[in-house]
C-alpha atoms as a PDB file:
ATOM      1  CA  MET A   1     141.875 123.684  61.340  1.00  0.00           C
ATOM      2  CA  THR A   2     138.117 123.913  61.087  1.00  0.00           C
ATOM      3  CA  GLU A   3     136.542 127.070  62.104  1.00  0.00           C
ATOM      4  CA  SER A   4     133.276 126.805  64.107  1.00  0.00           C
ATOM      5  CA  ARG A   5     130.528 128.870  62.600  1.00  0.00           C
ATOM      6  CA  PRO A   6     127.811 130.517  64.630  1.00  0.00           C
ATOM      7  CA  PRO A   7     124.460 128.749  64.377  1.00  0.00           C
ATOM      8  CA  THR A   8     122.082 130.135  61.870  1.00  0.00           C
ATOM      9  CA  CYS A   9     118.839 131.742  62.902  1.00  0.00           C
ATOM     10  CA  LEU A  10     116.926 128.667  61.720  1.00  0.00           C
ATOM     11  CA  LYS A  11     119.156 126.394  63.802  1.00  0.00           C
ATOM     12  CA  ARG A  12     118.643 128.555  66.902  1.00  0.00           C
ATOM     13  CA  LEU A  13     114.885 128.531  66.406  1.00  0.00           C
ATOM     14  CA  ARG A  14     114.905 124.717  66.180  1.00  0.00           C
ATOM     15  CA  ILE A  15     116.881 124.533  69.428  1.00  0.00           C
ATOM     16  CA  VAL A  16     114.367 126.831  71.153  1.00  0.00           C
ATOM     17  CA  ARG A  17     111.499 124.777  69.709  1.00  0.00           C
ATOM     18  CA  GLY A  18     112.995 121.563  71.119  1.00  0.00           C
ATOM     19  CA  PHE A  19     113.417 123.196  74.534  1.00  0.00           C
ATOM     20  CA  LEU A  20     109.825 124.460  74.493  1.00  0.00           C
ATOM     21  CA  GLN A  21     108.521 121.025  73.502  1.00  0.00           C
ATOM     22  CA  HIS A  22     110.326 119.590  76.500  1.00  0.00           C
ATOM     23  CA  GLN A  23     108.798 122.248  78.753  1.00  0.00           C
ATOM     24  CA  ILE A  24     105.287 121.600  77.366  1.00  0.00           C
ATOM     25  CA  ALA A  25     105.709 117.865  77.986  1.00  0.00           C
ATOM     26  CA  GLN A  26     106.716 118.622  81.581  1.00  0.00           C
ATOM     27  CA  VAL A  27     103.690 120.890  82.080  1.00  0.00           C
ATOM     28  CA  ASP A  28     101.462 118.161  80.590  1.00  0.00           C
ATOM     29  CA  ASP A  29     102.868 115.703  83.119  1.00  0.00           C
ATOM     30  CA  TRP A  30     102.136 118.156  85.962  1.00  0.00           C
ATOM     31  CA  ILE A  31      98.580 118.665  84.698  1.00  0.00           C
ATOM     32  CA  ALA A  32      98.014 114.897  84.502  1.00  0.00           C
ATOM     33  CA  GLU A  33      99.329 114.480  88.067  1.00  0.00           C
ATOM     34  CA  GLU A  34      97.036 117.232  89.401  1.00  0.00           C
ATOM     35  CA  GLU A  35      94.053 115.683  87.570  1.00  0.00           C
ATOM     36  CA  ARG A  36      94.901 112.313  89.148  1.00  0.00           C
ATOM     37  CA  LYS A  37      95.069 113.883  92.614  1.00  0.00           C
ATOM     38  CA  ALA A  38      91.756 115.687  92.085  1.00  0.00           C
ATOM     39  CA  ALA A  39      90.050 112.460  90.948  1.00  0.00           C
ATOM     40  CA  GLU A  40      91.469 110.661  94.004  1.00  0.00           C
ATOM     41  CA  ARG A  41      90.119 113.388  96.316  1.00  0.00           C
ATOM     42  CA  ARG A  42      86.679 113.136  94.669  1.00  0.00           C
ATOM     43  CA  ARG A  43      86.646 109.347  95.085  1.00  0.00           C
ATOM     44  CA  GLY A  44      87.638 109.758  98.730  1.00  0.00           C
ATOM     45  CA  ILE A  45      84.848 112.252  99.357  1.00  0.00           C
ATOM     46  CA  GLU A  46      82.266 110.045  97.588  1.00  0.00           C
ATOM     47  CA  ALA A  47      83.387 106.969  99.569  1.00  0.00           C
ATOM     48  CA  ARG A  48      83.247 108.773 102.903  1.00  0.00           C
ATOM     49  CA  PRO A  49      80.510 107.360 105.152  1.00  0.00           C
ATOM     50  CA  PRO A  50      77.659 109.746 105.979  1.00  0.00           C
ATOM     51  CA  ALA A  51      78.026 111.844 109.112  1.00  0.00           C
ATOM     52  CA  PRO A  52      76.246 110.337 112.130  1.00  0.00           C
ATOM     53  CA  ASP A  53      72.983 111.949 113.211  1.00  0.00           C
ATOM     54  CA  TRP A  54      74.075 112.017 116.869  1.00  0.00           C
ATOM     55  CA  LEU A  55      77.388 112.295 118.691  1.00  0.00           C
ATOM     56  CA  VAL A  56      78.544 111.594 122.206  1.00  0.00           C
ATOM     57  CA  GLU A  57      81.591 113.646 123.171  1.00  0.00           C
ATOM     58  CA  LEU A  58      83.936 111.602 125.320  1.00  0.00           C
ATOM     59  CA  SER A  59      86.233 112.698 128.141  1.00  0.00           C
ATOM     60  CA  PRO A  60      90.004 112.715 127.719  1.00  0.00           C
ATOM     61  CA  GLY A  61      90.960 109.071 127.583  1.00  0.00           C
ATOM     62  CA  GLY A  62      87.587 108.280 125.997  1.00  0.00           C
ATOM     63  CA  ARG A  63      86.076 106.575 129.036  1.00  0.00           C
ATOM     64  CA  HIS A  64      83.161 108.804 130.022  1.00  0.00           C
ATOM     65  CA  PRO A  65      80.543 110.646 128.002  1.00  0.00           C
ATOM     66  CA  VAL A  66      80.732 114.409 128.486  1.00  0.00           C
ATOM     67  CA  GLN A  67      77.970 115.769 126.223  1.00  0.00           C
ATOM     68  CA  VAL A  68      75.440 114.691 123.626  1.00  0.00           C
ATOM     69  CA  HIS A  69      75.460 116.551 120.312  1.00  0.00           C
ATOM     70  CA  ALA A  70      73.525 116.557 117.060  1.00  0.00           C
ATOM     71  CA  GLY A  71      75.632 115.289 114.147  1.00  0.00           C
ATOM     72  CA  GLY A  72      77.842 117.963 112.599  1.00  0.00           C
ATOM     73  CA  CYS A  73      77.857 120.160 115.717  1.00  0.00           C
ATOM     74  CA  PRO A  74      81.063 122.240 115.516  1.00  0.00           C
ATOM     75  CA  PRO A  75      81.673 122.365 119.306  1.00  0.00           C
ATOM     76  CA  ALA A  76      81.560 118.538 119.568  1.00  0.00           C
ATOM     77  CA  GLY A  77      85.191 118.495 120.680  1.00  0.00           C
ATOM     78  CA  LYS A  78      88.080 116.324 119.622  1.00  0.00           C
ATOM     79  CA  ARG A  79      86.628 113.009 120.814  1.00  0.00           C
ATOM     80  CA  PRO A  80      83.125 112.657 119.361  1.00  0.00           C
ATOM     81  CA  ARG A  81      81.689 109.194 118.743  1.00  0.00           C
ATOM     82  CA  GLY A  82      78.793 108.639 116.380  1.00  0.00           C
ATOM     83  CA  VAL A  83      75.767 107.018 118.021  1.00  0.00           C
ATOM     84  CA  ASN A  84      72.249 106.101 116.986  1.00  0.00           C
ATOM     85  CA  ARG A  85      69.092 107.857 118.222  1.00  0.00           C
ATOM     86  CA  GLU A  86      68.449 105.290 120.958  1.00  0.00           C
ATOM     87  CA  GLU A  87      71.888 105.660 122.470  1.00  0.00           C
ATOM     88  CA  ALA A  88      71.687 109.449 122.335  1.00  0.00           C
ATOM     89  CA  LEU A  89      68.351 109.316 124.207  1.00  0.00           C
ATOM     90  CA  ARG A  90      69.762 106.809 126.695  1.00  0.00           C
ATOM     91  CA  ARG A  91      72.785 109.034 127.440  1.00  0.00           C
ATOM     92  CA  LEU A  92      70.509 112.025 128.010  1.00  0.00           C
ATOM     93  CA  ALA A  93      68.330 109.915 130.340  1.00  0.00           C
ATOM     94  CA  GLU A  94      71.502 108.904 132.250  1.00  0.00           C
ATOM     95  CA  GLY A  95      72.180 112.585 132.901  1.00  0.00           C
ATOM     96  CA  VAL A  96      74.792 113.318 130.229  1.00  0.00           C
ATOM     97  CA  PRO A  97      74.258 117.004 129.411  1.00  0.00           C
ATOM     98  CA  ALA A  98      72.964 118.117 126.049  1.00  0.00           C
ATOM     99  CA  CYS A  99      75.056 120.568 124.078  1.00  0.00           C
ATOM    100  CA  GLY A 100      73.771 124.109 124.508  1.00  0.00           C
ATOM    101  CA  HIS A 101      74.739 124.962 120.939  1.00  0.00           C
ATOM    102  CA  CYS A 102      72.953 122.264 118.897  1.00  0.00           C
ATOM    103  CA  ARG A 103      70.279 121.294 121.493  1.00  0.00           C
ATOM    104  CA  PRO A 104      70.000 117.556 120.664  1.00  0.00           C
ATOM    105  CA  ASP A 105      67.526 117.092 123.526  1.00  0.00           C
ATOM    106  CA  THR A 106      65.051 119.385 121.782  1.00  0.00           C
ATOM    107  CA  GLU A 107      65.632 117.725 118.412  1.00  0.00           C
ATOM    108  CA  LEU A 108      65.221 114.286 119.981  1.00  0.00           C
ATOM    109  CA  GLY A 109      62.088 115.329 121.838  1.00  0.00           C
ATOM    110  CA  PHE A 110      63.735 114.485 125.183  1.00  0.00           C
ATOM    111  CA  LEU A 111      61.943 115.960 128.156  1.00  0.00           C
ATOM    112  CA  ASN A 112      64.274 115.762 131.202  1.00  0.00           C
ATOM    113  CA  GLY A 113      63.700 112.205 132.283  1.00  0.00           C
END
């Protein structure tokens, strides 16, 4: 009958080293994945079209304009639609109110009518 001997200190250290190498490889994989995600986010941000200069906030259902905003106006609501300068002026001339926060009528030089 063979008697099993306890591992030597050197053998135990090699086992721990192998385990740590496995853990380091796993951490390296996680780092690579996070770097890939960060690069993807950067590409997405760079590919994003520029914010429109003017917005028309639409009613629920998106059928009627509710307010005209300058681009990037925080209170523009959940249904803003980017428009060009001419459409923003036209909507103001049609009587669509200007946002009291960003004052697009002032920025556009629109004088009531």
